[in-house]
N, C-alpha and C. Protein backbone atom coordinates (compact mmCIF):
# COMPACT_ATOMS: atom_id res chain seq x y z
N MET A 1 5.90 -22.60 -9.49
CA MET A 1 5.94 -21.31 -8.60
C MET A 1 7.06 -20.81 -8.09
N LEU A 2 7.19 -19.89 -7.68
CA LEU A 2 7.83 -18.82 -8.23
C LEU A 2 8.59 -19.08 -7.08
N GLU A 3 10.56 -19.47 -7.19
CA GLU A 3 10.99 -19.29 -5.64
C GLU A 3 11.15 -18.20 -4.88
N THR A 4 11.62 -17.56 -3.93
CA THR A 4 11.38 -16.43 -3.05
C THR A 4 12.79 -16.15 -3.74
N LYS A 5 13.62 -16.20 -4.06
CA LYS A 5 14.75 -15.24 -5.17
C LYS A 5 14.21 -14.84 -6.12
N ASP A 6 12.98 -15.52 -6.84
CA ASP A 6 12.47 -15.30 -7.90
C ASP A 6 11.90 -14.31 -7.94
N ILE A 7 11.08 -14.38 -6.30
CA ILE A 7 10.27 -12.85 -5.82
C ILE A 7 10.35 -12.14 -5.49
N LEU A 8 11.11 -11.96 -5.27
CA LEU A 8 12.05 -10.75 -5.71
C LEU A 8 13.27 -9.71 -5.67
N THR A 9 13.53 -10.26 -6.69
CA THR A 9 13.35 -9.63 -7.91
C THR A 9 12.98 -8.76 -8.47
N LEU A 10 11.11 -9.12 -8.58
CA LEU A 10 9.90 -8.37 -8.94
C LEU A 10 9.45 -6.83 -7.93
N LEU A 11 10.35 -6.84 -6.26
CA LEU A 11 9.93 -5.97 -5.41
C LEU A 11 10.20 -4.69 -6.85
N PRO A 12 9.52 -3.50 -5.96
CA PRO A 12 9.22 -2.42 -6.99
C PRO A 12 10.24 -1.52 -5.99
N GLU A 13 11.15 -0.14 -5.99
CA GLU A 13 11.93 -0.03 -5.77
C GLU A 13 11.01 0.93 -4.46
N MET A 14 12.53 0.75 -3.25
CA MET A 14 12.08 1.47 -2.24
C MET A 14 11.41 2.71 -2.05
N LYS A 15 10.28 2.99 -1.12
CA LYS A 15 9.99 4.10 -1.40
C LYS A 15 9.88 5.29 0.22
N SER A 16 9.76 6.18 -0.08
CA SER A 16 9.32 7.06 1.77
C SER A 16 9.31 8.10 1.66
N GLY A 17 9.18 8.63 2.68
CA GLY A 17 8.52 9.63 3.08
C GLY A 17 7.21 10.42 2.60
N LYS A 18 7.30 11.37 1.65
CA LYS A 18 5.71 11.83 1.48
C LYS A 18 5.29 10.45 0.33
N GLU A 19 6.27 10.30 0.05
CA GLU A 19 5.64 9.24 -2.03
C GLU A 19 5.13 7.49 -0.77
N LEU A 20 6.02 7.25 -0.65
CA LEU A 20 5.65 6.12 0.95
C LEU A 20 4.18 6.48 1.18
N ALA A 21 4.47 7.91 2.09
CA ALA A 21 2.34 7.47 2.42
C ALA A 21 0.99 8.19 1.41
N SER A 22 1.60 8.19 0.91
CA SER A 22 1.08 8.30 -0.98
C SER A 22 0.67 7.24 -1.23
N GLU A 23 1.92 6.44 -1.64
CA GLU A 23 1.67 4.79 -1.56
C GLU A 23 0.57 4.21 -0.49
N MET A 24 0.78 3.81 0.57
CA MET A 24 -0.03 3.21 1.11
C MET A 24 -0.64 3.61 0.93
N ALA A 25 -2.12 5.06 2.13
CA ALA A 25 -2.62 5.45 1.10
C ALA A 25 -3.89 4.99 1.20
N ILE A 26 -4.89 4.64 0.75
CA ILE A 26 -6.34 4.71 0.72
C ILE A 26 -7.69 4.85 1.46
N LEU A 27 -8.39 6.13 -0.17
CA LEU A 27 -8.77 7.60 0.09
C LEU A 27 -10.02 6.72 -0.73
N PRO A 28 -11.30 7.12 -0.67
CA PRO A 28 -12.07 6.67 -1.60
C PRO A 28 -12.61 8.42 -3.18
N LYS A 29 -12.15 7.25 -3.97
CA LYS A 29 -13.15 9.07 -5.07
C LYS A 29 -14.34 9.72 -4.52
N TYR A 30 -14.16 10.51 -4.41
CA TYR A 30 -14.83 11.29 -4.44
C TYR A 30 -16.01 11.16 -5.92
N ASN A 31 -17.67 11.40 -6.25
CA ASN A 31 -18.17 12.20 -6.83
C ASN A 31 -19.51 12.85 -6.23
N GLU A 32 -19.13 14.12 -7.17
CA GLU A 32 -20.00 15.04 -7.14
C GLU A 32 -21.20 14.52 -6.77
N ASN A 33 -21.33 14.35 -8.19
CA ASN A 33 -22.66 13.68 -8.15
C ASN A 33 -24.17 13.04 -7.41
N VAL A 34 -23.05 11.78 -6.59
CA VAL A 34 -23.82 11.42 -5.46
C VAL A 34 -24.65 12.78 -5.29
N ARG A 35 -24.18 14.26 -4.82
CA ARG A 35 -24.94 14.85 -4.39
C ARG A 35 -26.74 15.38 -4.55
N ASN A 36 -26.78 15.00 -6.32
CA ASN A 36 -27.39 15.12 -6.47
C ASN A 36 -28.92 13.23 -6.26
N GLU A 37 -27.91 12.52 -5.85
CA GLU A 37 -29.12 11.38 -6.20
C GLU A 37 -30.42 11.10 -4.90
N ASN A 38 -30.77 10.65 -5.45
CA ASN A 38 -31.96 10.08 -4.08
C ASN A 38 -30.76 9.33 -2.86
N GLN A 39 -31.56 9.54 -1.31
CA GLN A 39 -31.12 9.56 -0.19
C GLN A 39 -31.03 7.73 0.05
N ALA A 40 -30.88 6.42 -0.81
CA ALA A 40 -30.58 5.65 -0.60
C ALA A 40 -29.03 5.91 -1.08
N ILE A 41 -29.53 6.28 -2.55
CA ILE A 41 -27.85 6.67 -3.06
C ILE A 41 -27.09 7.04 -2.25
N ARG A 42 -27.47 8.33 -1.44
CA ARG A 42 -26.02 8.92 -1.43
C ARG A 42 -26.44 7.68 0.22
N LEU A 43 -26.85 6.91 0.77
CA LEU A 43 -26.72 6.83 2.16
C LEU A 43 -25.40 5.03 1.94
N MET A 44 -25.51 4.37 0.86
CA MET A 44 -25.52 3.11 -0.19
C MET A 44 -23.39 4.43 -0.13
N ALA A 45 -23.26 4.88 -0.40
CA ALA A 45 -21.98 6.23 -1.05
C ALA A 45 -21.93 6.39 0.63
N LEU A 46 -21.53 6.50 2.19
CA LEU A 46 -21.68 7.26 2.90
C LEU A 46 -20.62 5.74 3.25
N SER A 47 -21.21 4.28 2.39
CA SER A 47 -20.14 3.20 2.99
C SER A 47 -18.30 3.38 2.61
N ASP A 48 -18.30 4.38 1.40
CA ASP A 48 -17.14 4.30 1.02
C ASP A 48 -16.46 5.52 2.14
N LEU A 49 -16.46 5.09 3.89
CA LEU A 49 -15.94 6.45 3.67
C LEU A 49 -14.93 5.30 4.93
N TYR A 50 -16.74 3.84 4.99
CA TYR A 50 -14.96 3.30 5.91
C TYR A 50 -13.71 2.85 5.06
N ASN A 51 -13.59 2.82 3.68
CA ASN A 51 -12.84 2.27 3.17
C ASN A 51 -11.23 3.14 2.42
N VAL A 52 -11.23 3.65 4.46
CA VAL A 52 -10.39 4.51 4.38
C VAL A 52 -8.96 4.24 5.27
N TYR A 53 -7.36 4.32 4.50
CA TYR A 53 -6.59 4.29 5.72
C TYR A 53 -5.52 5.05 5.18
N ILE A 54 -5.70 5.99 6.67
CA ILE A 54 -3.78 6.48 6.41
C ILE A 54 -2.99 6.07 6.79
N PRO A 55 -1.94 6.47 6.93
CA PRO A 55 -0.30 5.69 7.65
C PRO A 55 -0.08 6.24 8.11
N SER A 56 -0.48 5.88 9.68
CA SER A 56 0.87 5.80 10.73
C SER A 56 3.05 6.23 10.37
N ALA A 57 2.70 6.45 11.72
CA ALA A 57 4.84 7.07 11.59
C ALA A 57 5.12 4.79 11.79
N MET A 58 3.85 3.97 12.42
CA MET A 58 4.41 3.26 12.63
C MET A 58 4.58 2.16 11.41
N SER A 59 3.45 2.09 10.59
CA SER A 59 3.03 0.92 9.75
C SER A 59 4.58 1.60 8.18
N MET A 60 4.63 3.16 8.37
CA MET A 60 6.11 3.05 7.86
C MET A 60 7.05 3.27 7.90
N GLU A 61 7.23 3.07 9.29
CA GLU A 61 8.54 2.71 9.95
C GLU A 61 8.91 0.17 9.50
N ILE A 62 7.47 0.21 10.10
CA ILE A 62 7.26 -1.91 9.53
C ILE A 62 7.50 -1.76 8.19
N TYR A 63 7.16 -0.69 7.75
CA TYR A 63 7.15 -1.05 5.53
C TYR A 63 9.25 -1.26 4.97
N SER A 64 9.08 -0.17 6.62
CA SER A 64 10.65 0.44 5.83
C SER A 64 11.31 -1.18 5.90
N LYS A 65 10.80 -2.14 7.59
CA LYS A 65 12.40 -2.91 8.18
C LYS A 65 11.28 -4.43 7.43
N LEU A 66 10.38 -4.19 7.19
CA LEU A 66 10.59 -5.53 6.04
C LEU A 66 11.01 -5.42 5.29
N TYR A 67 10.76 -4.27 3.76
CA TYR A 67 11.72 -4.02 2.76
C TYR A 67 12.90 -4.18 2.97
N LEU A 68 14.18 -4.09 4.20
CA LEU A 68 14.93 -3.58 4.17
C LEU A 68 15.44 -5.42 5.00
N ALA A 69 14.11 -6.34 5.72
CA ALA A 69 15.23 -8.06 5.22
C ALA A 69 15.03 -8.70 4.10
N LEU A 70 13.45 -7.84 3.45
CA LEU A 70 13.77 -8.67 2.39
C LEU A 70 14.58 -8.14 1.71
N GLN A 71 15.83 -7.68 1.47
CA GLN A 71 17.08 -6.48 0.34
C GLN A 71 18.34 -7.57 1.29
N LEU A 72 17.89 -7.82 2.78
CA LEU A 72 18.89 -9.11 3.20
C LEU A 72 19.30 -10.01 2.93
N THR A 73 17.70 -10.10 2.88
CA THR A 73 17.35 -12.02 2.34
C THR A 73 18.06 -11.99 0.32
N GLU A 74 17.67 -11.60 -0.04
CA GLU A 74 18.91 -11.30 -1.70
C GLU A 74 19.19 -11.07 -1.77
N LYS A 75 20.65 -10.68 -0.41
CA LYS A 75 22.02 -11.14 -0.55
C LYS A 75 22.22 -12.19 -0.67
N GLY A 76 21.54 -12.67 0.31
CA GLY A 76 22.16 -14.01 0.88
C GLY A 76 21.60 -14.75 -0.52
N TYR A 77 20.53 -14.55 -1.31
CA TYR A 77 20.65 -15.90 -2.26
C TYR A 77 21.57 -15.21 -2.80
N LYS A 78 22.64 -14.50 -3.81
CA LYS A 78 23.17 -13.91 -4.33
C LYS A 78 24.38 -14.61 -3.74
N GLY A 79 24.83 -14.49 -2.66
CA GLY A 79 26.06 -15.72 -1.47
C GLY A 79 26.04 -16.74 -1.91
N CYS A 80 25.06 -17.61 -1.27
CA CYS A 80 24.72 -18.92 -2.07
C CYS A 80 25.29 -19.34 -3.39
N HIS A 81 25.36 -19.23 -4.19
CA HIS A 81 24.92 -19.09 -5.57
C HIS A 81 27.14 -19.18 -6.10
């Protein structure tokens, strides 16, 4: 099992602004061919609309604070050795 200090080294680079919003967003893939399908298939495709997440300013702030807190934890581990 990985220790916390090992997990911290696996963190990707911190993102911000439009790049962060793009990475956090979850948007369903649009399939133009679904328009040509029968009614049942089109109705099932509508359920994809529930798989949408557009990050708010608050969620991006939470990401930033968590990321920075993890970085401080990592510095604490480095200082202990």
